């Protein structure tokens, strides 16, 4: 057995890199179960096309942030813009809002 790779292989000299967003607590108290179930049901009925369930995803993330289950972050940074509009074909586009509207 080679000592350079450790007992299970791999390089033991490298430090692990944390996830980009860090860690967050699991919802052990089921505080956001309703939002989670709504999102998962939407995914099932939409054939797992997540873009059709964005409103439920947004509600779930808002619930987690409100209950300190994840760091509070601007939803626009997570891809939820107030100006997102779904076209009849299901595509999400940015709508430019003018003062005439």
N, C-alpha and C. Protein backbone atom coordinates (compact mmCIF):
# COMPACT_ATOMS: atom_id res chain seq x y z
N UNK A 1 0.85 -1.17 0.00
CA UNK A 1 0.00 0.00 0.00
C UNK A 1 0.89 1.24 0.00
N UNK A 2 0.55 2.20 -0.79
CA UNK A 2 1.34 3.42 -0.90
C UNK A 2 0.93 4.41 0.19
N UNK A 3 1.91 4.95 0.89
CA UNK A 3 1.64 5.91 1.97
C UNK A 3 1.36 7.31 1.43
N UNK A 4 1.77 7.57 0.18
CA UNK A 4 1.62 8.92 -0.38
C UNK A 4 0.16 9.30 -0.58
N UNK A 5 -0.68 8.34 -0.90
CA UNK A 5 -2.07 8.66 -1.17
C UNK A 5 -2.99 8.40 0.00
N UNK A 6 -2.48 7.94 1.11
CA UNK A 6 -3.32 7.64 2.26
C UNK A 6 -3.97 6.28 2.10
N UNK A 7 -4.65 5.84 3.12
CA UNK A 7 -5.25 4.50 3.14
C UNK A 7 -6.34 4.34 2.08
N UNK A 8 -7.06 5.41 1.78
CA UNK A 8 -8.17 5.32 0.83
C UNK A 8 -7.89 6.06 -0.47
N UNK A 9 -6.65 6.40 -0.73
CA UNK A 9 -6.28 7.11 -1.94
C UNK A 9 -6.50 8.60 -1.80
N UNK A 10 -6.19 9.32 -2.80
CA UNK A 10 -6.36 10.78 -2.76
C UNK A 10 -5.17 11.47 -2.12
N UNK A 11 -5.11 12.75 -2.32
CA UNK A 11 -4.01 13.54 -1.79
C UNK A 11 -4.43 14.10 -0.44
N UNK A 12 -3.78 13.68 0.62
CA UNK A 12 -4.12 14.12 1.97
C UNK A 12 -3.55 15.49 2.29
N UNK A 13 -2.69 16.03 1.43
CA UNK A 13 -2.08 17.32 1.69
C UNK A 13 -2.96 18.51 1.31
N UNK A 14 -3.97 18.29 0.46
CA UNK A 14 -4.83 19.39 0.02
C UNK A 14 -5.95 19.62 1.02
N UNK A 15 -6.25 20.88 1.27
CA UNK A 15 -7.35 21.23 2.16
C UNK A 15 -8.64 21.26 1.36
N UNK A 16 -9.73 20.78 1.95
CA UNK A 16 -11.01 20.83 1.22
C UNK A 16 -11.47 22.27 1.04
N UNK A 17 -12.17 22.50 -0.05
CA UNK A 17 -12.68 23.83 -0.37
C UNK A 17 -14.16 23.86 0.00
N UNK A 18 -14.61 24.85 0.79
CA UNK A 18 -16.04 24.90 1.16
C UNK A 18 -16.90 25.26 -0.05
N UNK A 19 -18.18 24.94 0.01
CA UNK A 19 -19.08 25.32 -1.09
C UNK A 19 -19.10 26.83 -1.26
N UNK A 20 -19.42 27.28 -2.47
CA UNK A 20 -19.41 28.71 -2.76
C UNK A 20 -20.34 29.50 -1.85
N UNK A 21 -21.53 29.00 -1.59
CA UNK A 21 -22.50 29.71 -0.76
C UNK A 21 -22.37 29.36 0.72
N UNK A 22 -21.47 28.47 1.06
CA UNK A 22 -21.33 28.08 2.46
C UNK A 22 -22.34 27.01 2.82
N UNK A 23 -22.51 26.80 4.11
CA UNK A 23 -23.44 25.78 4.56
C UNK A 23 -24.66 26.46 5.17
N UNK A 24 -25.73 25.74 5.26
CA UNK A 24 -26.93 26.27 5.90
C UNK A 24 -27.62 25.13 6.62
N UNK A 25 -28.34 25.45 7.71
CA UNK A 25 -28.99 24.39 8.48
C UNK A 25 -30.12 23.72 7.71
N UNK A 26 -30.30 22.43 7.98
CA UNK A 26 -31.44 21.72 7.42
C UNK A 26 -32.69 22.15 8.18
N UNK A 27 -33.82 21.95 7.57
CA UNK A 27 -35.09 22.35 8.15
C UNK A 27 -35.63 21.22 9.03
N UNK A 28 -34.95 20.95 10.16
CA UNK A 28 -35.34 19.85 11.04
C UNK A 28 -36.72 20.07 11.65
N UNK A 29 -37.13 21.32 11.84
CA UNK A 29 -38.43 21.61 12.45
C UNK A 29 -39.54 21.72 11.41
N UNK A 30 -39.20 21.50 10.14
CA UNK A 30 -40.18 21.52 9.05
C UNK A 30 -40.91 22.85 8.94
N UNK A 31 -40.17 23.93 9.11
CA UNK A 31 -40.76 25.26 9.07
C UNK A 31 -41.19 25.67 7.67
N UNK A 32 -40.56 25.10 6.66
CA UNK A 32 -40.86 25.47 5.27
C UNK A 32 -41.37 24.28 4.47
N UNK A 33 -41.98 23.32 5.15
CA UNK A 33 -42.47 22.13 4.45
C UNK A 33 -43.55 22.45 3.42
N UNK A 34 -44.48 23.34 3.76
CA UNK A 34 -45.55 23.68 2.82
C UNK A 34 -44.97 24.21 1.52
N UNK A 35 -44.03 25.14 1.61
CA UNK A 35 -43.41 25.72 0.42
C UNK A 35 -42.63 24.66 -0.36
N UNK A 36 -41.95 23.76 0.37
CA UNK A 36 -41.18 22.70 -0.29
C UNK A 36 -42.11 21.76 -1.05
N UNK A 37 -43.21 21.36 -0.42
CA UNK A 37 -44.16 20.44 -1.05
C UNK A 37 -44.80 21.08 -2.28
N UNK A 38 -45.16 22.37 -2.17
CA UNK A 38 -45.74 23.07 -3.32
C UNK A 38 -44.77 23.08 -4.50
N UNK A 39 -43.50 23.35 -4.21
CA UNK A 39 -42.48 23.38 -5.27
C UNK A 39 -42.30 21.99 -5.89
N UNK A 40 -42.18 20.97 -5.06
CA UNK A 40 -41.99 19.61 -5.58
C UNK A 40 -43.20 19.14 -6.38
N UNK A 41 -44.41 19.47 -5.92
CA UNK A 41 -45.62 19.11 -6.69
C UNK A 41 -45.65 19.82 -8.03
N UNK A 42 -45.23 21.09 -8.03
CA UNK A 42 -45.18 21.83 -9.29
C UNK A 42 -44.20 21.17 -10.26
N UNK A 43 -43.04 20.78 -9.74
CA UNK A 43 -42.04 20.12 -10.60
C UNK A 43 -42.61 18.85 -11.21
N UNK A 44 -43.33 18.08 -10.42
CA UNK A 44 -43.92 16.83 -10.93
C UNK A 44 -44.92 17.12 -12.04
N UNK A 45 -45.80 18.09 -11.81
CA UNK A 45 -46.84 18.37 -12.82
C UNK A 45 -46.28 19.08 -14.04
N UNK A 46 -45.15 19.76 -13.89
CA UNK A 46 -44.55 20.48 -15.02
C UNK A 46 -43.48 19.66 -15.73
N UNK A 47 -43.41 18.38 -15.42
CA UNK A 47 -42.42 17.53 -16.08
C UNK A 47 -41.00 17.91 -15.72
N UNK A 48 -40.79 18.34 -14.48
CA UNK A 48 -39.49 18.72 -13.94
C UNK A 48 -38.83 19.86 -14.73
N UNK A 49 -39.64 20.75 -15.26
CA UNK A 49 -39.14 21.97 -15.91
C UNK A 49 -39.19 23.09 -14.88
N UNK A 50 -38.07 23.32 -14.24
CA UNK A 50 -38.02 24.22 -13.09
C UNK A 50 -38.44 25.66 -13.42
N UNK A 51 -38.24 26.09 -14.65
CA UNK A 51 -38.60 27.47 -14.99
C UNK A 51 -40.10 27.71 -14.85
N UNK A 52 -40.92 26.65 -14.95
CA UNK A 52 -42.36 26.81 -14.79
C UNK A 52 -42.78 26.90 -13.33
N UNK A 53 -41.85 26.65 -12.42
CA UNK A 53 -42.15 26.62 -10.98
C UNK A 53 -41.38 27.69 -10.22
N UNK A 54 -40.95 28.71 -10.93
CA UNK A 54 -40.12 29.74 -10.30
C UNK A 54 -40.80 30.42 -9.12
N UNK A 55 -42.11 30.65 -9.20
CA UNK A 55 -42.80 31.34 -8.10
C UNK A 55 -42.75 30.50 -6.83
N UNK A 56 -42.80 29.16 -6.96
CA UNK A 56 -42.74 28.30 -5.79
C UNK A 56 -41.31 28.21 -5.24
N UNK A 57 -40.36 28.21 -6.14
CA UNK A 57 -38.96 28.23 -5.72
C UNK A 57 -38.65 29.51 -4.94
N UNK A 58 -39.16 30.61 -5.44
CA UNK A 58 -38.97 31.90 -4.78
C UNK A 58 -39.60 31.91 -3.39
N UNK A 59 -40.83 31.39 -3.28
CA UNK A 59 -41.50 31.32 -1.98
C UNK A 59 -40.71 30.46 -1.00
N UNK A 60 -40.15 29.35 -1.48
CA UNK A 60 -39.37 28.46 -0.62
C UNK A 60 -38.11 29.15 -0.11
N UNK A 61 -37.41 29.82 -1.00
CA UNK A 61 -36.18 30.52 -0.58
C UNK A 61 -36.51 31.67 0.37
N UNK A 62 -37.60 32.38 0.12
CA UNK A 62 -38.01 33.45 1.03
C UNK A 62 -38.32 32.89 2.42
N UNK A 63 -39.00 31.77 2.48
CA UNK A 63 -39.31 31.12 3.75
C UNK A 63 -38.03 30.77 4.50
N UNK A 64 -37.08 30.17 3.80
CA UNK A 64 -35.81 29.79 4.44
C UNK A 64 -35.07 31.01 4.97
N UNK A 65 -35.07 32.10 4.21
CA UNK A 65 -34.38 33.31 4.67
C UNK A 65 -35.09 33.92 5.87
N UNK A 66 -36.43 33.96 5.84
CA UNK A 66 -37.20 34.55 6.94
C UNK A 66 -36.99 33.78 8.25
N UNK A 67 -36.74 32.49 8.15
CA UNK A 67 -36.59 31.65 9.34
C UNK A 67 -35.13 31.34 9.65
N UNK A 68 -34.23 32.10 9.05
CA UNK A 68 -32.78 31.98 9.28
C UNK A 68 -32.25 30.57 8.98
N UNK A 69 -32.81 29.94 7.97
CA UNK A 69 -32.32 28.65 7.52
C UNK A 69 -31.31 28.80 6.39
N UNK A 70 -31.16 30.02 5.94
CA UNK A 70 -30.11 30.36 4.97
C UNK A 70 -29.85 31.85 5.10
N UNK A 71 -28.71 32.28 4.62
CA UNK A 71 -28.34 33.69 4.71
C UNK A 71 -29.30 34.53 3.89
N UNK A 72 -29.67 35.67 4.43
CA UNK A 72 -30.53 36.59 3.68
C UNK A 72 -29.75 37.15 2.51
N UNK A 73 -30.38 37.14 1.35
CA UNK A 73 -29.74 37.59 0.13
C UNK A 73 -30.81 38.19 -0.77
N UNK A 74 -30.42 39.19 -1.51
CA UNK A 74 -31.35 39.81 -2.46
C UNK A 74 -31.78 38.76 -3.47
N UNK A 75 -33.08 38.62 -3.68
CA UNK A 75 -33.58 37.61 -4.61
C UNK A 75 -33.12 37.85 -6.04
N UNK A 76 -32.83 39.09 -6.38
CA UNK A 76 -32.30 39.38 -7.72
C UNK A 76 -30.95 38.70 -7.92
N UNK A 77 -30.17 38.57 -6.84
CA UNK A 77 -28.88 37.89 -6.94
C UNK A 77 -29.05 36.39 -7.13
N UNK A 78 -30.22 35.89 -6.79
CA UNK A 78 -30.51 34.46 -6.95
C UNK A 78 -31.26 34.17 -8.24
N UNK A 79 -31.40 35.19 -9.08
CA UNK A 79 -32.03 35.00 -10.39
C UNK A 79 -33.50 35.37 -10.45
N UNK A 80 -34.03 35.97 -9.39
CA UNK A 80 -35.43 36.36 -9.37
C UNK A 80 -35.53 37.87 -9.52
N UNK A 81 -35.81 38.30 -10.73
CA UNK A 81 -35.98 39.73 -10.99
C UNK A 81 -37.46 40.03 -11.02
N UNK A 82 -37.84 41.17 -10.48
CA UNK A 82 -39.26 41.56 -10.50
C UNK A 82 -39.75 41.74 -11.94
N UNK A 83 -38.83 42.01 -12.86
CA UNK A 83 -39.24 42.28 -14.24
C UNK A 83 -39.30 41.03 -15.10
N UNK A 84 -39.05 39.84 -14.51
CA UNK A 84 -39.13 38.61 -15.29
C UNK A 84 -40.57 38.35 -15.70
N UNK A 85 -40.77 38.07 -16.97
CA UNK A 85 -42.10 37.81 -17.51
C UNK A 85 -42.03 36.50 -18.28
N UNK A 86 -43.04 35.66 -18.09
CA UNK A 86 -43.08 34.41 -18.85
C UNK A 86 -43.88 34.63 -20.12
N UNK A 87 -43.29 34.27 -21.24
CA UNK A 87 -43.95 34.41 -22.53
C UNK A 87 -44.87 33.22 -22.74
N UNK A 88 -45.80 33.29 -23.73
CA UNK A 88 -46.70 32.16 -23.98
C UNK A 88 -45.95 30.85 -24.26
N UNK A 89 -44.74 30.93 -24.80
CA UNK A 89 -43.97 29.72 -25.08
C UNK A 89 -43.27 29.17 -23.85
N UNK A 90 -43.40 29.84 -22.70
CA UNK A 90 -42.79 29.35 -21.48
C UNK A 90 -41.42 29.93 -21.19
N UNK A 91 -40.91 30.78 -22.08
CA UNK A 91 -39.60 31.38 -21.85
C UNK A 91 -39.74 32.55 -20.90
N UNK A 92 -38.73 32.72 -20.06
CA UNK A 92 -38.71 33.85 -19.14
C UNK A 92 -37.83 34.92 -19.75
N UNK A 93 -38.38 36.11 -19.88
CA UNK A 93 -37.64 37.21 -20.48
C UNK A 93 -37.65 38.40 -19.54
N UNK A 94 -36.75 39.34 -19.77
CA UNK A 94 -36.73 40.59 -19.00
C UNK A 94 -37.61 41.60 -19.69
N UNK A 95 -38.51 42.19 -18.93
CA UNK A 95 -39.37 43.23 -19.48
C UNK A 95 -38.82 44.56 -19.02
N UNK A 96 -38.67 45.47 -19.93
CA UNK A 96 -38.23 46.83 -19.60
C UNK A 96 -39.45 47.64 -19.25
N UNK A 97 -39.49 48.14 -18.03
CA UNK A 97 -40.63 48.91 -17.56
C UNK A 97 -40.35 50.37 -17.82
N UNK A 98 -41.25 51.03 -18.54
CA UNK A 98 -41.11 52.46 -18.79
C UNK A 98 -42.14 53.19 -17.98
N UNK A 99 -42.05 54.51 -17.91
CA UNK A 99 -43.00 55.29 -17.13
C UNK A 99 -44.37 55.33 -17.78
N UNK A 100 -44.46 55.00 -19.08
CA UNK A 100 -45.74 54.99 -19.77
C UNK A 100 -46.61 53.82 -19.33
N UNK A 101 -46.00 52.77 -18.78
CA UNK A 101 -46.74 51.55 -18.43
C UNK A 101 -47.41 51.69 -17.09
